[in-house]
PDB file of N, CA and C in Angstrom:
ATOM      1  N   MET A   1    -242.291 109.466  52.686  1.00  0.00           N
ATOM      2  CA  MET A   1    -243.026 108.887  53.783  1.00  0.00           C
ATOM      3  C   MET A   1    -243.176 109.898  54.907  1.00  0.00           C
ATOM      4  N   THR A   2    -242.179 110.758  55.096  1.00  0.00           N
ATOM      5  CA  THR A   2    -242.256 111.770  56.142  1.00  0.00           C
ATOM      6  C   THR A   2    -243.401 112.736  55.876  1.00  0.00           C
ATOM      7  N   SER A   3    -243.588 113.107  54.620  1.00  0.00           N
ATOM      8  CA  SER A   3    -244.672 114.034  54.302  1.00  0.00           C
ATOM      9  C   SER A   3    -246.031 113.415  54.580  1.00  0.00           C
ATOM     10  N   LEU A   4    -246.164 112.110  54.427  1.00  0.00           N
ATOM     11  CA  LEU A   4    -247.425 111.435  54.728  1.00  0.00           C
ATOM     12  C   LEU A   4    -247.719 111.512  56.215  1.00  0.00           C
ATOM     13  N   ILE A   5    -246.721 111.311  57.047  1.00  0.00           N
ATOM     14  CA  ILE A   5    -246.907 111.376  58.493  1.00  0.00           C
ATOM     15  C   ILE A   5    -247.270 112.798  58.912  1.00  0.00           C
ATOM     16  N   ILE A   6    -246.620 113.781  58.350  1.00  0.00           N
ATOM     17  CA  ILE A   6    -246.933 115.176  58.665  1.00  0.00           C
ATOM     18  C   ILE A   6    -248.348 115.504  58.217  1.00  0.00           C
ATOM     19  N   PHE A   7    -248.740 115.034  57.048  1.00  0.00           N
ATOM     20  CA  PHE A   7    -250.075 115.276  56.524  1.00  0.00           C
ATOM     21  C   PHE A   7    -251.126 114.669  57.446  1.00  0.00           C
ATOM     22  N   LEU A   8    -250.875 113.463  57.950  1.00  0.00           N
ATOM     23  CA  LEU A   8    -251.807 112.820  58.870  1.00  0.00           C
ATOM     24  C   LEU A   8    -251.926 113.615  60.161  1.00  0.00           C
ATOM     25  N   CYS A   9    -250.815 114.074  60.710  1.00  0.00           N
ATOM     26  CA  CYS A   9    -250.846 114.839  61.958  1.00  0.00           C
ATOM     27  C   CYS A   9    -251.595 116.146  61.776  1.00  0.00           C
ATOM     28  N   VAL A  10    -251.377 116.828  60.675  1.00  0.00           N
ATOM     29  CA  VAL A  10    -252.068 118.088  60.424  1.00  0.00           C
ATOM     30  C   VAL A  10    -253.564 117.839  60.290  1.00  0.00           C
ATOM     31  N   GLY A  11    -253.953 116.772  59.622  1.00  0.00           N
ATOM     32  CA  GLY A  11    -255.366 116.455  59.463  1.00  0.00           C
ATOM     33  C   GLY A  11    -256.036 116.098  60.770  1.00  0.00           C
ATOM     34  N   ILE A  12    -255.345 115.409  61.635  1.00  0.00           N
ATOM     35  CA  ILE A  12    -255.918 115.006  62.915  1.00  0.00           C
ATOM     36  C   ILE A  12    -256.004 116.190  63.873  1.00  0.00           C
ATOM     37  N   LEU A  13    -254.995 117.054  63.870  1.00  0.00           N
ATOM     38  CA  LEU A  13    -254.937 118.151  64.822  1.00  0.00           C
ATOM     39  C   LEU A  13    -255.730 119.382  64.395  1.00  0.00           C
ATOM     40  N   SER A  14    -256.164 119.445  63.147  1.00  0.00           N
ATOM     41  CA  SER A  14    -256.903 120.621  62.707  1.00  0.00           C
ATOM     42  C   SER A  14    -258.319 120.587  63.273  1.00  0.00           C
ATOM     43  N   ALA A  15    -258.802 121.732  63.708  1.00  0.00           N
ATOM     44  CA  ALA A  15    -260.140 121.827  64.303  1.00  0.00           C
ATOM     45  C   ALA A  15    -261.123 122.290  63.245  1.00  0.00           C
ATOM     46  N   GLN A  16    -262.290 121.634  63.210  1.00  0.00           N
ATOM     47  CA  GLN A  16    -263.338 121.996  62.274  1.00  0.00           C
ATOM     48  C   GLN A  16    -264.655 122.014  63.034  1.00  0.00           C
ATOM     49  N   SER A  17    -265.577 122.856  62.594  1.00  0.00           N
ATOM     50  CA  SER A  17    -266.903 122.840  63.197  1.00  0.00           C
ATOM     51  C   SER A  17    -267.646 121.603  62.714  1.00  0.00           C
ATOM     52  N   ASP A  18    -268.654 121.179  63.469  1.00  0.00           N
ATOM     53  CA  ASP A  18    -269.393 119.966  63.126  1.00  0.00           C
ATOM     54  C   ASP A  18    -270.124 120.083  61.800  1.00  0.00           C
ATOM     55  N   SER A  19    -270.573 121.274  61.428  1.00  0.00           N
ATOM     56  CA  SER A  19    -271.334 121.428  60.194  1.00  0.00           C
ATOM     57  C   SER A  19    -270.450 121.309  58.956  1.00  0.00           C
ATOM     58  N   SER A  20    -269.174 121.665  59.052  1.00  0.00           N
ATOM     59  CA  SER A  20    -268.292 121.602  57.885  1.00  0.00           C
ATOM     60  C   SER A  20    -267.312 120.439  57.952  1.00  0.00           C
ATOM     61  N   ARG A  21    -267.501 119.532  58.878  1.00  0.00           N
ATOM     62  CA  ARG A  21    -266.579 118.416  59.053  1.00  0.00           C
ATOM     63  C   ARG A  21    -266.636 117.481  57.838  1.00  0.00           C
ATOM     64  N   ALA A  22    -265.492 117.157  57.300  1.00  0.00           N
ATOM     65  CA  ALA A  22    -265.394 116.249  56.154  1.00  0.00           C
ATOM     66  C   ALA A  22    -265.512 114.804  56.631  1.00  0.00           C
ATOM     67  N   GLN A  23    -265.609 113.899  55.680  1.00  0.00           N
ATOM     68  CA  GLN A  23    -265.669 112.484  56.023  1.00  0.00           C
ATOM     69  C   GLN A  23    -264.372 112.056  56.683  1.00  0.00           C
ATOM     70  N   THR A  24    -264.453 110.984  57.451  1.00  0.00           N
ATOM     71  CA  THR A  24    -263.279 110.437  58.116  1.00  0.00           C
ATOM     72  C   THR A  24    -262.286 109.935  57.071  1.00  0.00           C
ATOM     73  N   PRO A  25    -261.003 110.240  57.217  1.00  0.00           N
ATOM     74  CA  PRO A  25    -259.999 109.719  56.276  1.00  0.00           C
ATOM     75  C   PRO A  25    -259.993 108.191  56.268  1.00  0.00           C
ATOM     76  N   ILE A  26    -259.674 107.619  55.131  1.00  0.00           N
ATOM     77  CA  ILE A  26    -259.692 106.166  54.957  1.00  0.00           C
ATOM     78  C   ILE A  26    -258.282 105.690  54.620  1.00  0.00           C
ATOM     79  N   VAL A  27    -257.806 104.689  55.342  1.00  0.00           N
ATOM     80  CA  VAL A  27    -256.551 104.010  55.020  1.00  0.00           C
ATOM     81  C   VAL A  27    -256.933 102.660  54.428  1.00  0.00           C
ATOM     82  N   PHE A  28    -256.366 102.313  53.271  1.00  0.00           N
ATOM     83  CA  PHE A  28    -256.751 101.067  52.610  1.00  0.00           C
ATOM     84  C   PHE A  28    -255.525 100.328  52.098  1.00  0.00           C
ATOM     85  N   GLY A  29    -255.713  99.067  51.807  1.00  0.00           N
ATOM     86  CA  GLY A  29    -254.662  98.231  51.239  1.00  0.00           C
ATOM     87  C   GLY A  29    -255.255  97.244  50.259  1.00  0.00           C
ATOM     88  N   SER A  30    -254.525  96.938  49.215  1.00  0.00           N
ATOM     89  CA  SER A  30    -254.948  95.959  48.214  1.00  0.00           C
ATOM     90  C   SER A  30    -253.770  95.060  47.882  1.00  0.00           C
ATOM     91  N   ILE A  31    -254.008  93.752  47.897  1.00  0.00           N
ATOM     92  CA  ILE A  31    -252.982  92.772  47.546  1.00  0.00           C
ATOM     93  C   ILE A  31    -253.505  91.950  46.380  1.00  0.00           C
ATOM     94  N   TYR A  32    -252.683  91.782  45.357  1.00  0.00           N
ATOM     95  CA  TYR A  32    -253.046  91.006  44.175  1.00  0.00           C
ATOM     96  C   TYR A  32    -252.112  89.800  44.086  1.00  0.00           C
ATOM     97  N   PRO A  33    -252.500  88.671  44.687  1.00  0.00           N
ATOM     98  CA  PRO A  33    -251.625  87.495  44.729  1.00  0.00           C
ATOM     99  C   PRO A  33    -251.905  86.525  43.582  1.00  0.00           C
ATOM    100  N   ALA A  34    -251.023  85.544  43.452  1.00  0.00           N
ATOM    101  CA  ALA A  34    -251.199  84.442  42.503  1.00  0.00           C
ATOM    102  C   ALA A  34    -250.603  83.182  43.131  1.00  0.00           C
ATOM    103  N   PHE A  35    -251.199  82.043  42.832  1.00  0.00           N
ATOM    104  CA  PHE A  35    -250.686  80.766  43.310  1.00  0.00           C
ATOM    105  C   PHE A  35    -250.397  79.901  42.095  1.00  0.00           C
ATOM    106  N   VAL A  36    -249.199  79.320  42.035  1.00  0.00           N
ATOM    107  CA  VAL A  36    -248.766  78.512  40.897  1.00  0.00           C
ATOM    108  C   VAL A  36    -248.481  77.104  41.390  1.00  0.00           C
ATOM    109  N   SER A  37    -248.924  76.113  40.620  1.00  0.00           N
ATOM    110  CA  SER A  37    -248.695  74.717  40.999  1.00  0.00           C
ATOM    111  C   SER A  37    -248.592  73.859  39.747  1.00  0.00           C
ATOM    112  N   THR A  38    -247.779  72.803  39.822  1.00  0.00           N
ATOM    113  CA  THR A  38    -247.726  71.820  38.742  1.00  0.00           C
ATOM    114  C   THR A  38    -248.407  70.550  39.224  1.00  0.00           C
ATOM    115  N   PHE A  39    -249.052  69.866  38.321  1.00  0.00           N
ATOM    116  CA  PHE A  39    -249.757  68.639  38.667  1.00  0.00           C
ATOM    117  C   PHE A  39    -249.155  67.431  37.952  1.00  0.00           C
ATOM    118  N   SER A  40    -247.909  67.558  37.528  1.00  0.00           N
ATOM    119  CA  SER A  40    -247.234  66.474  36.830  1.00  0.00           C
ATOM    120  C   SER A  40    -246.886  65.360  37.816  1.00  0.00           C
ATOM    121  N   THR A  41    -247.105  64.116  37.399  1.00  0.00           N
ATOM    122  CA  THR A  41    -246.746  62.973  38.250  1.00  0.00           C
ATOM    123  C   THR A  41    -245.322  62.506  37.989  1.00  0.00           C
ATOM    124  N   LYS A  42    -244.665  63.041  36.944  1.00  0.00           N
ATOM    125  CA  LYS A  42    -243.311  62.619  36.593  1.00  0.00           C
ATOM    126  C   LYS A  42    -242.234  63.334  37.409  1.00  0.00           C
ATOM    127  N   GLU A  43    -242.544  64.476  37.962  1.00  0.00           N
ATOM    128  CA  GLU A  43    -241.553  65.236  38.718  1.00  0.00           C
ATOM    129  C   GLU A  43    -242.146  65.656  40.061  1.00  0.00           C
ATOM    130  N   GLN A  44    -241.266  66.130  40.914  1.00  0.00           N
ATOM    131  CA  GLN A  44    -241.721  66.587  42.224  1.00  0.00           C
ATOM    132  C   GLN A  44    -242.612  67.823  42.043  1.00  0.00           C
ATOM    133  N   PRO A  45    -243.709  67.901  42.764  1.00  0.00           N
ATOM    134  CA  PRO A  45    -244.624  69.040  42.577  1.00  0.00           C
ATOM    135  C   PRO A  45    -243.950  70.381  42.855  1.00  0.00           C
ATOM    136  N   PHE A  46    -244.387  71.375  42.135  1.00  0.00           N
ATOM    137  CA  PHE A  46    -243.884  72.739  42.273  1.00  0.00           C
ATOM    138  C   PHE A  46    -245.030  73.608  42.771  1.00  0.00           C
ATOM    139  N   TYR A  47    -244.822  74.295  43.882  1.00  0.00           N
ATOM    140  CA  TYR A  47    -245.820  75.197  44.430  1.00  0.00           C
ATOM    141  C   TYR A  47    -245.162  76.552  44.672  1.00  0.00           C
ATOM    142  N   ALA A  48    -245.854  77.594  44.326  1.00  0.00           N
ATOM    143  CA  ALA A  48    -245.309  78.934  44.545  1.00  0.00           C
ATOM    144  C   ALA A  48    -246.445  79.920  44.772  1.00  0.00           C
ATOM    145  N   PHE A  49    -246.167  80.891  45.597  1.00  0.00           N
ATOM    146  CA  PHE A  49    -247.092  81.986  45.863  1.00  0.00           C
ATOM    147  C   PHE A  49    -246.419  83.268  45.407  1.00  0.00           C
ATOM    148  N   GLU A  50    -247.104  84.036  44.581  1.00  0.00           N
ATOM    149  CA  GLU A  50    -246.557  85.292  44.076  1.00  0.00           C
ATOM    150  C   GLU A  50    -247.398  86.458  44.585  1.00  0.00           C
ATOM    151  N   MET A  51    -246.739  87.527  44.919  1.00  0.00           N
ATOM    152  CA  MET A  51    -247.442  88.759  45.249  1.00  0.00           C
ATOM    153  C   MET A  51    -247.061  89.768  44.172  1.00  0.00           C
ATOM    154  N   ASN A  52    -247.880  89.835  43.123  1.00  0.00           N
ATOM    155  CA  ASN A  52    -247.561  90.687  41.982  1.00  0.00           C
ATOM    156  C   ASN A  52    -247.632  92.168  42.323  1.00  0.00           C
ATOM    157  N   THR A  53    -248.650  92.565  43.057  1.00  0.00           N
ATOM    158  CA  THR A  53    -248.826  93.966  43.407  1.00  0.00           C
ATOM    159  C   THR A  53    -249.427  94.073  44.801  1.00  0.00           C
ATOM    160  N   ALA A  54    -248.909  94.986  45.581  1.00  0.00           N
ATOM    161  CA  ALA A  54    -249.472  95.296  46.897  1.00  0.00           C
ATOM    162  C   ALA A  54    -249.449  96.810  47.066  1.00  0.00           C
ATOM    163  N   LEU A  55    -250.604  97.375  47.323  1.00  0.00           N
ATOM    164  CA  LEU A  55    -250.736  98.820  47.436  1.00  0.00           C
ATOM    165  C   LEU A  55    -251.284  99.194  48.806  1.00  0.00           C
ATOM    166  N   ILE A  56    -250.780 100.284  49.367  1.00  0.00           N
ATOM    167  CA  ILE A  56    -251.407 100.875  50.539  1.00  0.00           C
ATOM    168  C   ILE A  56    -251.728 102.317  50.179  1.00  0.00           C
ATOM    169  N   GLY A  57    -252.790 102.827  50.763  1.00  0.00           N
ATOM    170  CA  GLY A  57    -253.189 104.171  50.392  1.00  0.00           C
ATOM    171  C   GLY A  57    -253.926 104.893  51.492  1.00  0.00           C
ATOM    172  N   PHE A  58    -254.143 106.161  51.255  1.00  0.00           N
ATOM    173  CA  PHE A  58    -254.819 107.054  52.189  1.00  0.00           C
ATOM    174  C   PHE A  58    -255.701 107.977  51.372  1.00  0.00           C
ATOM    175  N   LYS A  59    -256.984 108.078  51.743  1.00  0.00           N
ATOM    176  CA  LYS A  59    -257.920 108.947  51.023  1.00  0.00           C
ATOM    177  C   LYS A  59    -258.582 109.882  52.016  1.00  0.00           C
ATOM    178  N   THR A  60    -258.661 111.158  51.657  1.00  0.00           N
ATOM    179  CA  THR A  60    -259.310 112.149  52.512  1.00  0.00           C
ATOM    180  C   THR A  60    -259.894 113.266  51.654  1.00  0.00           C
ATOM    181  N   ASP A  61    -260.867 113.958  52.205  1.00  0.00           N
ATOM    182  CA  ASP A  61    -261.425 115.140  51.552  1.00  0.00           C
ATOM    183  C   ASP A  61    -260.632 116.354  52.013  1.00  0.00           C
ATOM    184  N   ILE A  62    -260.143 117.146  51.054  1.00  0.00           N
ATOM    185  CA  ILE A  62    -259.372 118.338  51.415  1.00  0.00           C
ATOM    186  C   ILE A  62    -260.198 119.611  51.262  1.00  0.00           C
ATOM    187  N   ALA A  63    -261.347 119.507  50.616  1.00  0.00           N
ATOM    188  CA  ALA A  63    -262.291 120.620  50.479  1.00  0.00           C
ATOM    189  C   ALA A  63    -263.658 120.014  50.179  1.00  0.00           C
ATOM    190  N   LYS A  64    -264.673 120.868  50.061  1.00  0.00           N
ATOM    191  CA  LYS A  64    -266.021 120.346  49.803  1.00  0.00           C
ATOM    192  C   LYS A  64    -266.099 119.602  48.474  1.00  0.00           C
ATOM    193  N   LYS A  65    -265.371 120.078  47.477  1.00  0.00           N
ATOM    194  CA  LYS A  65    -265.444 119.466  46.149  1.00  0.00           C
ATOM    195  C   LYS A  65    -264.123 118.860  45.696  1.00  0.00           C
ATOM    196  N   ALA A  66    -263.202 118.649  46.611  1.00  0.00           N
ATOM    197  CA  ALA A  66    -261.896 118.079  46.248  1.00  0.00           C
ATOM    198  C   ALA A  66    -261.492 117.024  47.270  1.00  0.00           C
ATOM    199  N   SER A  67    -260.934 115.946  46.761  1.00  0.00           N
ATOM    200  CA  SER A  67    -260.419 114.899  47.645  1.00  0.00           C
ATOM    201  C   SER A  67    -259.019 114.523  47.182  1.00  0.00           C
ATOM    202  N   ALA A  68    -258.268 113.916  48.081  1.00  0.00           N
ATOM    203  CA  ALA A  68    -256.891 113.517  47.775  1.00  0.00           C
ATOM    204  C   ALA A  68    -256.727 112.035  48.075  1.00  0.00           C
ATOM    205  N   ILE A  69    -256.013 111.348  47.196  1.00  0.00           N
ATOM    206  CA  ILE A  69    -255.698 109.936  47.389  1.00  0.00           C
ATOM    207  C   ILE A  69    -254.191 109.772  47.221  1.00  0.00           C
ATOM    208  N   LEU A  70    -253.538 109.230  48.242  1.00  0.00           N
ATOM    209  CA  LEU A  70    -252.111 108.922  48.181  1.00  0.00           C
ATOM    210  C   LEU A  70    -251.971 107.409  48.123  1.00  0.00           C
ATOM    211  N   ILE A  71    -251.252 106.897  47.129  1.00  0.00           N
ATOM    212  CA  ILE A  71    -251.069 105.453  46.961  1.00  0.00           C
ATOM    213  C   ILE A  71    -249.580 105.153  46.906  1.00  0.00           C
ATOM    214  N   TYR A  72    -249.163 104.115  47.637  1.00  0.00           N
ATOM    215  CA  TYR A  72    -247.764 103.685  47.654  1.00  0.00           C
ATOM    216  C   TYR A  72    -247.705 102.223  47.235  1.00  0.00           C
ATOM    217  N   ASP A  73    -246.899 101.908  46.234  1.00  0.00           N
ATOM    218  CA  ASP A  73    -246.735 100.542  45.742  1.00  0.00           C
ATOM    219  C   ASP A  73    -245.655  99.853  46.568  1.00  0.00           C
ATOM    220  N   VAL A  74    -246.067  98.969  47.461  1.00  0.00           N
ATOM    221  CA  VAL A  74    -245.148  98.292  48.371  1.00  0.00           C
ATOM    222  C   VAL A  74    -244.236  97.324  47.621  1.00  0.00           C
ATOM    223  N   THR A  75    -244.686  96.737  46.532  1.00  0.00           N
ATOM    224  CA  THR A  75    -243.900  95.732  45.809  1.00  0.00           C
ATOM    225  C   THR A  75    -242.668  96.323  45.138  1.00  0.00           C
ATOM    226  N   ARG A  76    -242.584  97.614  44.987  1.00  0.00           N
ATOM    227  CA  ARG A  76    -241.390  98.227  44.384  1.00  0.00           C
ATOM    228  C   ARG A  76    -240.220  98.237  45.355  1.00  0.00           C
ATOM    229  N   THR A  77    -240.457  97.953  46.621  1.00  0.00           N
ATOM    230  CA  THR A  77    -239.389  97.950  47.624  1.00  0.00           C
ATOM    231  C   THR A  77    -238.974  96.543  48.023  1.00  0.00           C
ATOM    232  N   THR A  78    -239.482  95.525  47.335  1.00  0.00           N
ATOM    233  CA  THR A  78    -239.200  94.140  47.718  1.00  0.00           C
ATOM    234  C   THR A  78    -238.198  93.465  46.799  1.00  0.00           C
ATOM    235  N   SER A  79    -237.367  94.215  46.082  1.00  0.00           N
ATOM    236  CA  SER A  79    -236.438  93.611  45.128  1.00  0.00           C
ATOM    237  C   SER A  79    -235.305  92.846  45.801  1.00  0.00           C
ATOM    238  N   ASP A  80    -235.052  93.089  47.073  1.00  0.00           N
ATOM    239  CA  ASP A  80    -233.967  92.401  47.771  1.00  0.00           C
ATOM    240  C   ASP A  80    -234.430  91.147  48.501  1.00  0.00           C
ATOM    241  N   ILE A  81    -235.673  90.777  48.352  1.00  0.00           N
ATOM    242  CA  ILE A  81    -236.205  89.605  49.044  1.00  0.00           C
ATOM    243  C   ILE A  81    -235.922  88.357  48.214  1.00  0.00           C
ATOM    244  N   VAL A  82    -235.436  87.313  48.861  1.00  0.00           N
ATOM    245  CA  VAL A  82    -235.170  86.042  48.192  1.00  0.00           C
ATOM    246  C   VAL A  82    -236.324  85.096  48.509  1.00  0.00           C
ATOM    247  N   VAL A  83    -236.927  84.548  47.455  1.00  0.00           N
ATOM    248  CA  VAL A  83    -238.056  83.633  47.609  1.00  0.00           C
ATOM    249  C   VAL A  83    -237.691  82.314  46.951  1.00  0.00           C
ATOM    250  N   VAL A  84    -237.974  81.206  47.636  1.00  0.00           N
ATOM    251  CA  VAL A  84    -237.723  79.879  47.069  1.00  0.00           C
ATOM    252  C   VAL A  84    -239.023  79.091  47.062  1.00  0.00           C
ATOM    253  N   ASP A  85    -239.128  78.148  46.124  1.00  0.00           N
ATOM    254  CA  ASP A  85    -240.315  77.303  46.057  1.00  0.00           C
ATOM    255  C   ASP A  85    -240.141  76.088  46.958  1.00  0.00           C
ATOM    256  N   SER A  86    -241.088  75.147  46.877  1.00  0.00           N
ATOM    257  CA  SER A  86    -241.042  73.972  47.749  1.00  0.00           C
ATOM    258  C   SER A  86    -239.876  73.040  47.423  1.00  0.00           C
ATOM    259  N   ASN A  87    -239.271  73.173  46.230  1.00  0.00           N
ATOM    260  CA  ASN A  87    -238.099  72.379  45.852  1.00  0.00           C
ATOM    261  C   ASN A  87    -236.796  73.128  46.119  1.00  0.00           C
ATOM    262  N   ASN A  88    -236.880  74.245  46.790  1.00  0.00           N
ATOM    263  CA  ASN A  88    -235.741  75.087  47.128  1.00  0.00           C
ATOM    264  C   ASN A  88    -235.087  75.741  45.908  1.00  0.00           C
ATOM    265  N   HIS A  89    -235.864  75.982  44.851  1.00  0.00           N
ATOM    266  CA  HIS A  89    -235.387  76.714  43.679  1.00  0.00           C
ATOM    267  C   HIS A  89    -235.698  78.195  43.882  1.00  0.00           C
ATOM    268  N   PRO A  90    -234.733  79.073  43.595  1.00  0.00           N
ATOM    269  CA  PRO A  90    -234.994  80.508  43.783  1.00  0.00           C
ATOM    270  C   PRO A  90    -235.999  81.034  42.758  1.00  0.00           C
ATOM    271  N   LEU A  91    -236.870  81.925  43.202  1.00  0.00           N
ATOM    272  CA  LEU A  91    -237.851  82.572  42.334  1.00  0.00           C
ATOM    273  C   LEU A  91    -237.550  84.063  42.307  1.00  0.00           C
ATOM    274  N   THR A  92    -237.829  84.692  41.181  1.00  0.00           N
ATOM    275  CA  THR A  92    -237.583  86.127  41.075  1.00  0.00           C
ATOM    276  C   THR A  92    -238.764  86.895  41.647  1.00  0.00           C
ATOM    277  N   VAL A  93    -238.462  88.011  42.263  1.00  0.00           N
ATOM    278  CA  VAL A  93    -239.485  88.911  42.785  1.00  0.00           C
ATOM    279  C   VAL A  93    -239.379  90.187  41.982  1.00  0.00           C
ATOM    280  N   ASN A  94    -240.426  90.500  41.230  1.00  0.00           N
ATOM    281  CA  ASN A  94    -240.417  91.701  40.385  1.00  0.00           C
ATOM    282  C   ASN A  94    -241.093  92.837  41.095  1.00  0.00           C
TER     283      ASN A  94
END
């Protein structure tokens, strides 16, 4: 993460002429969620929200014909989070 911050600072502080200026760097995020529910009338309803994958990234041009994309998978750092459903049953976070 430190190298990403240094990379951002170097990119912002570097001076370029207007004719050779690259596109503005892009910071992006993608979340891939899921919602689970039971519709059984015999038991108490079960509702759950899952976040299977969440990505954050940074894209920039490093030369006229080369670009760089850095992607970090946020869901790999969420293994210590405890999630429960509406019935207070624990759910696993992968």
